[in-house]
Amino acid sequence: MKYLSNVTTLALDKEKCIGCGMCEIVCPHAVFSVVDGKAFITDRDACMECGACARNCPVEAITLDSGVGCATGLINGMFGGGGACCGEKTCCSK
């Protein structure tokens, strides 16, 4: 599933990354891969901003604001009616 394009707050500091692979292990949407001892973001728009990656990164190389951006758009759409949309971007596509 893809979420709203270019709205996630996900950021990866490759200088801090030690290549432990925890982000790749805990991410429910396979947003990360580890290659040659460093993590990289493979599909930024697949991030649902759950925060699992940031909470499990031992060196704090990953930052994001859990529950903002796409996740908030989806939640508001589910509970507020009117579909899953952030109001400024086009709505999600599957």
PDB file of N, CA and C in Angstrom:
ATOM      1  N   MET A   1       0.837  -1.189   0.000  1.00  0.00           N
ATOM      2  CA  MET A   1       0.000   0.000   0.000  1.00  0.00           C
ATOM      3  C   MET A   1       0.872   1.239   0.000  1.00  0.00           C
ATOM      4  N   LYS A   2       0.514   2.183  -0.779  1.00  0.00           N
ATOM      5  CA  LYS A   2       1.190   3.479  -0.798  1.00  0.00           C
ATOM      6  C   LYS A   2       0.339   4.466  -0.029  1.00  0.00           C
ATOM      7  N   TYR A   3       0.986   5.402   0.599  1.00  0.00           N
ATOM      8  CA  TYR A   3       0.287   6.434   1.335  1.00  0.00           C
ATOM      9  C   TYR A   3       0.417   7.742   0.576  1.00  0.00           C
ATOM     10  N   LEU A   4       0.175   8.827   1.212  1.00  0.00           N
ATOM     11  CA  LEU A   4       0.280  10.128   0.567  1.00  0.00           C
ATOM     12  C   LEU A   4       1.729  10.404   0.183  1.00  0.00           C
ATOM     13  N   SER A   5       1.951  10.845  -1.012  1.00  0.00           N
ATOM     14  CA  SER A   5       3.307  11.093  -1.501  1.00  0.00           C
ATOM     15  C   SER A   5       3.936  12.302  -0.840  1.00  0.00           C
ATOM     16  N   ASN A   6       5.193  12.142  -0.491  1.00  0.00           N
ATOM     17  CA  ASN A   6       6.039  13.234   0.004  1.00  0.00           C
ATOM     18  C   ASN A   6       5.503  13.950   1.236  1.00  0.00           C
ATOM     19  N   VAL A   7       4.855  13.226   2.155  1.00  0.00           N
ATOM     20  CA  VAL A   7       4.389  13.877   3.376  1.00  0.00           C
ATOM     21  C   VAL A   7       5.016  13.306   4.638  1.00  0.00           C
ATOM     22  N   THR A   8       5.681  12.171   4.547  1.00  0.00           N
ATOM     23  CA  THR A   8       6.260  11.571   5.744  1.00  0.00           C
ATOM     24  C   THR A   8       7.396  12.437   6.296  1.00  0.00           C
ATOM     25  N   THR A   9       7.537  12.395   7.607  1.00  0.00           N
ATOM     26  CA  THR A   9       8.602  13.147   8.270  1.00  0.00           C
ATOM     27  C   THR A   9       9.849  12.292   8.479  1.00  0.00           C
ATOM     28  N   LEU A  10       9.870  11.098   7.920  1.00  0.00           N
ATOM     29  CA  LEU A  10      10.964  10.149   8.078  1.00  0.00           C
ATOM     30  C   LEU A  10      12.279  10.728   7.562  1.00  0.00           C
ATOM     31  N   ALA A  11      13.320  10.602   8.396  1.00  0.00           N
ATOM     32  CA  ALA A  11      14.660  11.040   7.999  1.00  0.00           C
ATOM     33  C   ALA A  11      15.688  10.045   8.534  1.00  0.00           C
ATOM     34  N   LEU A  12      16.710   9.784   7.752  1.00  0.00           N
ATOM     35  CA  LEU A  12      17.780   8.861   8.119  1.00  0.00           C
ATOM     36  C   LEU A  12      19.119   9.582   8.020  1.00  0.00           C
ATOM     37  N   ASP A  13      19.857   9.576   9.124  1.00  0.00           N
ATOM     38  CA  ASP A  13      21.197  10.163   9.154  1.00  0.00           C
ATOM     39  C   ASP A  13      22.197   9.042   8.890  1.00  0.00           C
ATOM     40  N   LYS A  14      22.673   8.943   7.659  1.00  0.00           N
ATOM     41  CA  LYS A  14      23.563   7.853   7.278  1.00  0.00           C
ATOM     42  C   LYS A  14      24.899   7.907   8.004  1.00  0.00           C
ATOM     43  N   GLU A  15      25.296   9.073   8.455  1.00  0.00           N
ATOM     44  CA  GLU A  15      26.549   9.203   9.199  1.00  0.00           C
ATOM     45  C   GLU A  15      26.456   8.497  10.551  1.00  0.00           C
ATOM     46  N   LYS A  16      25.298   8.536  11.187  1.00  0.00           N
ATOM     47  CA  LYS A  16      25.100   7.887  12.483  1.00  0.00           C
ATOM     48  C   LYS A  16      24.858   6.386  12.358  1.00  0.00           C
ATOM     49  N   CYS A  17      24.334   5.949  11.227  1.00  0.00           N
ATOM     50  CA  CYS A  17      23.934   4.556  11.029  1.00  0.00           C
ATOM     51  C   CYS A  17      25.122   3.611  11.213  1.00  0.00           C
ATOM     52  N   ILE A  18      24.895   2.546  12.001  1.00  0.00           N
ATOM     53  CA  ILE A  18      25.930   1.530  12.208  1.00  0.00           C
ATOM     54  C   ILE A  18      25.611   0.230  11.469  1.00  0.00           C
ATOM     55  N   GLY A  19      24.520   0.214  10.721  1.00  0.00           N
ATOM     56  CA  GLY A  19      24.174  -0.947   9.917  1.00  0.00           C
ATOM     57  C   GLY A  19      23.673  -2.149  10.694  1.00  0.00           C
ATOM     58  N   CYS A  20      23.081  -1.925  11.853  1.00  0.00           N
ATOM     59  CA  CYS A  20      22.618  -3.043  12.692  1.00  0.00           C
ATOM     60  C   CYS A  20      21.415  -3.772  12.088  1.00  0.00           C
ATOM     61  N   GLY A  21      20.643  -3.094  11.260  1.00  0.00           N
ATOM     62  CA  GLY A  21      19.510  -3.711  10.602  1.00  0.00           C
ATOM     63  C   GLY A  21      18.208  -3.715  11.374  1.00  0.00           C
ATOM     64  N   MET A  22      18.181  -3.097  12.542  1.00  0.00           N
ATOM     65  CA  MET A  22      16.944  -3.081  13.329  1.00  0.00           C
ATOM     66  C   MET A  22      15.807  -2.396  12.575  1.00  0.00           C
ATOM     67  N   CYS A  23      16.094  -1.341  11.859  1.00  0.00           N
ATOM     68  CA  CYS A  23      15.051  -0.644  11.104  1.00  0.00           C
ATOM     69  C   CYS A  23      14.421  -1.572  10.074  1.00  0.00           C
ATOM     70  N   GLU A  24      15.248  -2.338   9.417  1.00  0.00           N
ATOM     71  CA  GLU A  24      14.767  -3.277   8.411  1.00  0.00           C
ATOM     72  C   GLU A  24      13.922  -4.383   9.059  1.00  0.00           C
ATOM     73  N   ILE A  25      14.312  -4.823  10.232  1.00  0.00           N
ATOM     74  CA  ILE A  25      13.609  -5.897  10.933  1.00  0.00           C
ATOM     75  C   ILE A  25      12.238  -5.445  11.427  1.00  0.00           C
ATOM     76  N   VAL A  26      12.160  -4.248  12.025  1.00  0.00           N
ATOM     77  CA  VAL A  26      10.918  -3.826  12.684  1.00  0.00           C
ATOM     78  C   VAL A  26       9.936  -3.096  11.778  1.00  0.00           C
ATOM     79  N   CYS A  27      10.365  -2.643  10.628  1.00  0.00           N
ATOM     80  CA  CYS A  27       9.474  -1.875   9.749  1.00  0.00           C
ATOM     81  C   CYS A  27       8.409  -2.782   9.132  1.00  0.00           C
ATOM     82  N   PRO A  28       7.125  -2.488   9.376  1.00  0.00           N
ATOM     83  CA  PRO A  28       6.068  -3.342   8.840  1.00  0.00           C
ATOM     84  C   PRO A  28       5.841  -3.188   7.335  1.00  0.00           C
ATOM     85  N   HIS A  29       6.443  -2.174   6.718  1.00  0.00           N
ATOM     86  CA  HIS A  29       6.223  -1.945   5.293  1.00  0.00           C
ATOM     87  C   HIS A  29       7.495  -1.960   4.456  1.00  0.00           C
ATOM     88  N   ALA A  30       8.546  -2.546   4.983  1.00  0.00           N
ATOM     89  CA  ALA A  30       9.805  -2.708   4.247  1.00  0.00           C
ATOM     90  C   ALA A  30      10.312  -1.398   3.646  1.00  0.00           C
ATOM     91  N   VAL A  31      10.319  -0.376   4.456  1.00  0.00           N
ATOM     92  CA  VAL A  31      10.789   0.938   4.012  1.00  0.00           C
ATOM     93  C   VAL A  31      12.322   0.981   3.936  1.00  0.00           C
ATOM     94  N   PHE A  32      12.987   0.130   4.726  1.00  0.00           N
ATOM     95  CA  PHE A  32      14.449   0.157   4.815  1.00  0.00           C
ATOM     96  C   PHE A  32      15.093  -1.106   4.262  1.00  0.00           C
ATOM     97  N   SER A  33      16.318  -0.952   3.799  1.00  0.00           N
ATOM     98  CA  SER A  33      17.200  -2.072   3.465  1.00  0.00           C
ATOM     99  C   SER A  33      18.583  -1.715   3.985  1.00  0.00           C
ATOM    100  N   VAL A  34      19.359  -2.730   4.301  1.00  0.00           N
ATOM    101  CA  VAL A  34      20.738  -2.515   4.725  1.00  0.00           C
ATOM    102  C   VAL A  34      21.640  -3.136   3.670  1.00  0.00           C
ATOM    103  N   VAL A  35      22.509  -2.314   3.125  1.00  0.00           N
ATOM    104  CA  VAL A  35      23.442  -2.754   2.094  1.00  0.00           C
ATOM    105  C   VAL A  35      24.828  -2.207   2.439  1.00  0.00           C
ATOM    106  N   ASP A  36      25.804  -3.065   2.379  1.00  0.00           N
ATOM    107  CA  ASP A  36      27.195  -2.670   2.665  1.00  0.00           C
ATOM    108  C   ASP A  36      27.332  -1.964   4.003  1.00  0.00           C
ATOM    109  N   GLY A  37      26.621  -2.449   5.020  1.00  0.00           N
ATOM    110  CA  GLY A  37      26.774  -1.931   6.366  1.00  0.00           C
ATOM    111  C   GLY A  37      26.076  -0.614   6.661  1.00  0.00           C
ATOM    112  N   LYS A  38      25.171  -0.184   5.796  1.00  0.00           N
ATOM    113  CA  LYS A  38      24.428   1.057   6.025  1.00  0.00           C
ATOM    114  C   LYS A  38      22.978   0.866   5.609  1.00  0.00           C
ATOM    115  N   ALA A  39      22.086   1.460   6.384  1.00  0.00           N
ATOM    116  CA  ALA A  39      20.667   1.430   6.036  1.00  0.00           C
ATOM    117  C   ALA A  39      20.386   2.504   4.995  1.00  0.00           C
ATOM    118  N   PHE A  40      19.386   2.251   4.191  1.00  0.00           N
ATOM    119  CA  PHE A  40      18.891   3.283   3.297  1.00  0.00           C
ATOM    120  C   PHE A  40      17.386   3.115   3.147  1.00  0.00           C
ATOM    121  N   ILE A  41      16.734   4.195   2.794  1.00  0.00           N
ATOM    122  CA  ILE A  41      15.288   4.193   2.633  1.00  0.00           C
ATOM    123  C   ILE A  41      14.976   3.730   1.219  1.00  0.00           C
ATOM    124  N   THR A  42      14.254   2.602   1.112  1.00  0.00           N
ATOM    125  CA  THR A  42      13.949   2.038  -0.199  1.00  0.00           C
ATOM    126  C   THR A  42      12.644   2.579  -0.773  1.00  0.00           C
ATOM    127  N   ASP A  43      11.694   2.896   0.093  1.00  0.00           N
ATOM    128  CA  ASP A  43      10.392   3.384  -0.378  1.00  0.00           C
ATOM    129  C   ASP A  43       9.799   4.332   0.659  1.00  0.00           C
ATOM    130  N   ARG A  44      10.195   5.561   0.604  1.00  0.00           N
ATOM    131  CA  ARG A  44       9.786   6.580   1.572  1.00  0.00           C
ATOM    132  C   ARG A  44       8.267   6.717   1.676  1.00  0.00           C
ATOM    133  N   ASP A  45       7.572   6.644   0.561  1.00  0.00           N
ATOM    134  CA  ASP A  45       6.125   6.834   0.568  1.00  0.00           C
ATOM    135  C   ASP A  45       5.363   5.637   1.140  1.00  0.00           C
ATOM    136  N   ALA A  46       6.055   4.533   1.422  1.00  0.00           N
ATOM    137  CA  ALA A  46       5.418   3.389   2.071  1.00  0.00           C
ATOM    138  C   ALA A  46       5.410   3.554   3.590  1.00  0.00           C
ATOM    139  N   CYS A  47       6.111   4.555   4.101  1.00  0.00           N
ATOM    140  CA  CYS A  47       6.188   4.792   5.547  1.00  0.00           C
ATOM    141  C   CYS A  47       4.837   5.246   6.088  1.00  0.00           C
ATOM    142  N   MET A  48       4.369   4.567   7.139  1.00  0.00           N
ATOM    143  CA  MET A  48       3.109   4.944   7.773  1.00  0.00           C
ATOM    144  C   MET A  48       3.349   5.696   9.084  1.00  0.00           C
ATOM    145  N   GLU A  49       4.602   6.028   9.344  1.00  0.00           N
ATOM    146  CA  GLU A  49       5.004   6.814  10.509  1.00  0.00           C
ATOM    147  C   GLU A  49       4.607   6.175  11.833  1.00  0.00           C
ATOM    148  N   CYS A  50       4.755   4.857  11.929  1.00  0.00           N
ATOM    149  CA  CYS A  50       4.432   4.163  13.182  1.00  0.00           C
ATOM    150  C   CYS A  50       5.492   4.431  14.244  1.00  0.00           C
ATOM    151  N   GLY A  51       6.720   4.721  13.830  1.00  0.00           N
ATOM    152  CA  GLY A  51       7.791   5.047  14.765  1.00  0.00           C
ATOM    153  C   GLY A  51       8.627   3.871  15.223  1.00  0.00           C
ATOM    154  N   ALA A  52       8.316   2.661  14.766  1.00  0.00           N
ATOM    155  CA  ALA A  52       9.063   1.478  15.202  1.00  0.00           C
ATOM    156  C   ALA A  52      10.552   1.590  14.877  1.00  0.00           C
ATOM    157  N   CYS A  53      10.866   2.107  13.718  1.00  0.00           N
ATOM    158  CA  CYS A  53      12.270   2.230  13.311  1.00  0.00           C
ATOM    159  C   CYS A  53      13.042   3.167  14.239  1.00  0.00           C
ATOM    160  N   ALA A  54      12.483   4.320  14.510  1.00  0.00           N
ATOM    161  CA  ALA A  54      13.162   5.299  15.358  1.00  0.00           C
ATOM    162  C   ALA A  54      13.304   4.792  16.787  1.00  0.00           C
ATOM    163  N   ARG A  55      12.263   4.138  17.303  1.00  0.00           N
ATOM    164  CA  ARG A  55      12.319   3.617  18.675  1.00  0.00           C
ATOM    165  C   ARG A  55      13.340   2.500  18.826  1.00  0.00           C
ATOM    166  N   ASN A  56      13.606   1.776  17.757  1.00  0.00           N
ATOM    167  CA  ASN A  56      14.517   0.636  17.830  1.00  0.00           C
ATOM    168  C   ASN A  56      15.917   0.915  17.314  1.00  0.00           C
ATOM    169  N   CYS A  57      16.179   2.104  16.827  1.00  0.00           N
ATOM    170  CA  CYS A  57      17.517   2.450  16.337  1.00  0.00           C
ATOM    171  C   CYS A  57      18.419   2.760  17.535  1.00  0.00           C
ATOM    172  N   PRO A  58      19.474   1.963  17.751  1.00  0.00           N
ATOM    173  CA  PRO A  58      20.318   2.156  18.934  1.00  0.00           C
ATOM    174  C   PRO A  58      21.175   3.416  18.904  1.00  0.00           C
ATOM    175  N   VAL A  59      21.322   4.037  17.739  1.00  0.00           N
ATOM    176  CA  VAL A  59      22.166   5.229  17.638  1.00  0.00           C
ATOM    177  C   VAL A  59      21.384   6.473  17.232  1.00  0.00           C
ATOM    178  N   GLU A  60      20.055   6.371  17.248  1.00  0.00           N
ATOM    179  CA  GLU A  60      19.171   7.497  16.924  1.00  0.00           C
ATOM    180  C   GLU A  60      19.472   8.100  15.549  1.00  0.00           C
ATOM    181  N   ALA A  61      19.722   7.219  14.577  1.00  0.00           N
ATOM    182  CA  ALA A  61      19.986   7.674  13.211  1.00  0.00           C
ATOM    183  C   ALA A  61      18.695   7.958  12.453  1.00  0.00           C
ATOM    184  N   ILE A  62      17.565   7.518  13.005  1.00  0.00           N
ATOM    185  CA  ILE A  62      16.280   7.693  12.340  1.00  0.00           C
ATOM    186  C   ILE A  62      15.401   8.614  13.173  1.00  0.00           C
ATOM    187  N   THR A  63      14.817   9.583  12.503  1.00  0.00           N
ATOM    188  CA  THR A  63      13.890  10.484  13.180  1.00  0.00           C
ATOM    189  C   THR A  63      12.595  10.562  12.377  1.00  0.00           C
ATOM    190  N   LEU A  64      11.519  10.770  13.080  1.00  0.00           N
ATOM    191  CA  LEU A  64      10.221  11.033  12.468  1.00  0.00           C
ATOM    192  C   LEU A  64       9.265  11.476  13.552  1.00  0.00           C
ATOM    193  N   ASP A  65       8.232  12.141  13.135  1.00  0.00           N
ATOM    194  CA  ASP A  65       7.176  12.556  14.052  1.00  0.00           C
ATOM    195  C   ASP A  65       6.045  11.563  13.893  1.00  0.00           C
ATOM    196  N   SER A  66       5.977  10.599  14.813  1.00  0.00           N
ATOM    197  CA  SER A  66       4.955   9.558  14.720  1.00  0.00           C
ATOM    198  C   SER A  66       3.564  10.156  14.709  1.00  0.00           C
ATOM    199  N   GLY A  67       2.753   9.657  13.795  1.00  0.00           N
ATOM    200  CA  GLY A  67       1.350  10.041  13.752  1.00  0.00           C
ATOM    201  C   GLY A  67       1.038  11.309  12.994  1.00  0.00           C
ATOM    202  N   VAL A  68       1.999  11.902  12.339  1.00  0.00           N
ATOM    203  CA  VAL A  68       1.713  13.088  11.529  1.00  0.00           C
ATOM    204  C   VAL A  68       1.707  12.691  10.072  1.00  0.00           C
ATOM    205  N   GLY A  69       1.510  13.628   9.212  1.00  0.00           N
ATOM    206  CA  GLY A  69       1.571  13.348   7.785  1.00  0.00           C
ATOM    207  C   GLY A  69       0.543  12.328   7.353  1.00  0.00           C
ATOM    208  N   CYS A  70       0.997  11.311   6.677  1.00  0.00           N
ATOM    209  CA  CYS A  70       0.105  10.321   6.097  1.00  0.00           C
ATOM    210  C   CYS A  70      -0.715   9.586   7.135  1.00  0.00           C
ATOM    211  N   ALA A  71      -0.085   9.176   8.234  1.00  0.00           N
ATOM    212  CA  ALA A  71      -0.821   8.434   9.252  1.00  0.00           C
ATOM    213  C   ALA A  71      -1.995   9.246   9.766  1.00  0.00           C
ATOM    214  N   THR A  72      -1.777  10.513  10.002  1.00  0.00           N
ATOM    215  CA  THR A  72      -2.860  11.365  10.469  1.00  0.00           C
ATOM    216  C   THR A  72      -3.940  11.505   9.407  1.00  0.00           C
ATOM    217  N   GLY A  73      -3.534  11.633   8.157  1.00  0.00           N
ATOM    218  CA  GLY A  73      -4.514  11.721   7.079  1.00  0.00           C
ATOM    219  C   GLY A  73      -5.382  10.485   7.011  1.00  0.00           C
ATOM    220  N   LEU A  74      -4.776   9.321   7.151  1.00  0.00           N
ATOM    221  CA  LEU A  74      -5.536   8.077   7.115  1.00  0.00           C
ATOM    222  C   LEU A  74      -6.476   7.954   8.309  1.00  0.00           C
ATOM    223  N   ILE A  75      -5.966   8.253   9.486  1.00  0.00           N
ATOM    224  CA  ILE A  75      -6.791   8.157  10.700  1.00  0.00           C
ATOM    225  C   ILE A  75      -7.948   9.141  10.637  1.00  0.00           C
ATOM    226  N   ASN A  76      -7.674  10.363  10.248  1.00  0.00           N
ATOM    227  CA  ASN A  76      -8.747  11.357  10.148  1.00  0.00           C
ATOM    228  C   ASN A  76      -9.789  10.922   9.124  1.00  0.00           C
ATOM    229  N   GLY A  77      -9.334  10.327   8.038  1.00  0.00           N
ATOM    230  CA  GLY A  77     -10.256   9.842   7.022  1.00  0.00           C
ATOM    231  C   GLY A  77     -11.140   8.727   7.535  1.00  0.00           C
ATOM    232  N   MET A  78     -10.552   7.825   8.339  1.00  0.00           N
ATOM    233  CA  MET A  78     -11.322   6.703   8.865  1.00  0.00           C
ATOM    234  C   MET A  78     -12.351   7.150   9.895  1.00  0.00           C
ATOM    235  N   PHE A  79     -11.952   8.063  10.768  1.00  0.00           N
ATOM    236  CA  PHE A  79     -12.828   8.451  11.862  1.00  0.00           C
ATOM    237  C   PHE A  79     -13.627   9.721  11.603  1.00  0.00           C
ATOM    238  N   GLY A  80     -13.128  10.544  10.700  1.00  0.00           N
ATOM    239  CA  GLY A  80     -13.808  11.799  10.445  1.00  0.00           C
ATOM    240  C   GLY A  80     -14.666  11.799   9.201  1.00  0.00           C
ATOM    241  N   GLY A  81     -14.610  10.714   8.462  1.00  0.00           N
ATOM    242  CA  GLY A  81     -15.378  10.631   7.226  1.00  0.00           C
ATOM    243  C   GLY A  81     -14.690  11.394   6.106  1.00  0.00           C
ATOM    244  N   GLY A  82     -15.211  11.280   4.932  1.00  0.00           N
ATOM    245  CA  GLY A  82     -14.690  12.036   3.799  1.00  0.00           C
ATOM    246  C   GLY A  82     -13.494  11.426   3.119  1.00  0.00           C
ATOM    247  N   GLY A  83     -13.076  10.232   3.498  1.00  0.00           N
ATOM    248  CA  GLY A  83     -11.954   9.585   2.835  1.00  0.00           C
ATOM    249  C   GLY A  83     -10.628   9.940   3.462  1.00  0.00           C
ATOM    250  N   ALA A  84      -9.609   9.189   3.119  1.00  0.00           N
ATOM    251  CA  ALA A  84      -8.278   9.368   3.694  1.00  0.00           C
ATOM    252  C   ALA A  84      -7.485  10.370   2.875  1.00  0.00           C
ATOM    253  N   CYS A  85      -7.425  11.586   3.333  1.00  0.00           N
ATOM    254  CA  CYS A  85      -6.700  12.611   2.601  1.00  0.00           C
ATOM    255  C   CYS A  85      -6.192  13.662   3.585  1.00  0.00           C
ATOM    256  N   CYS A  86      -5.047  14.216   3.322  1.00  0.00           N
ATOM    257  CA  CYS A  86      -4.467  15.205   4.222  1.00  0.00           C
ATOM    258  C   CYS A  86      -5.007  16.603   3.970  1.00  0.00           C
ATOM    259  N   GLY A  87      -5.737  16.794   2.888  1.00  0.00           N
ATOM    260  CA  GLY A  87      -6.299  18.101   2.594  1.00  0.00           C
ATOM    261  C   GLY A  87      -5.494  18.912   1.600  1.00  0.00           C
ATOM    262  N   GLU A  88      -4.198  18.643   1.502  1.00  0.00           N
ATOM    263  CA  GLU A  88      -3.367  19.395   0.581  1.00  0.00           C
ATOM    264  C   GLU A  88      -2.847  18.536  -0.566  1.00  0.00           C
ATOM    265  N   LYS A  89      -2.704  17.263  -0.332  1.00  0.00           N
ATOM    266  CA  LYS A  89      -2.142  16.343  -1.317  1.00  0.00           C
ATOM    267  C   LYS A  89      -3.256  15.476  -1.892  1.00  0.00           C
ATOM    268  N   THR A  90      -2.919  14.746  -2.930  1.00  0.00           N
ATOM    269  CA  THR A  90      -3.891  13.796  -3.460  1.00  0.00           C
ATOM    270  C   THR A  90      -4.024  12.634  -2.487  1.00  0.00           C
ATOM    271  N   CYS A  91      -5.135  11.997  -2.510  1.00  0.00           N
ATOM    272  CA  CYS A  91      -5.401  10.921  -1.563  1.00  0.00           C
ATOM    273  C   CYS A  91      -4.611   9.669  -1.901  1.00  0.00           C
ATOM    274  N   CYS A  92      -4.597   8.748  -0.949  1.00  0.00           N
ATOM    275  CA  CYS A  92      -3.816   7.516  -1.075  1.00  0.00           C
ATOM    276  C   CYS A  92      -4.240   6.698  -2.277  1.00  0.00           C
ATOM    277  N   SER A  93      -3.285   5.932  -2.762  1.00  0.00           N
ATOM    278  CA  SER A  93      -3.591   4.974  -3.830  1.00  0.00           C
ATOM    279  C   SER A  93      -3.067   3.621  -3.398  1.00  0.00           C
ATOM    280  N   LYS A  94      -3.714   2.588  -3.830  1.00  0.00           N
ATOM    281  CA  LYS A  94      -3.292   1.236  -3.450  1.00  0.00           C
ATOM    282  C   LYS A  94      -2.379   0.653  -4.496  1.00  0.00           C
TER     283      LYS A  94
END
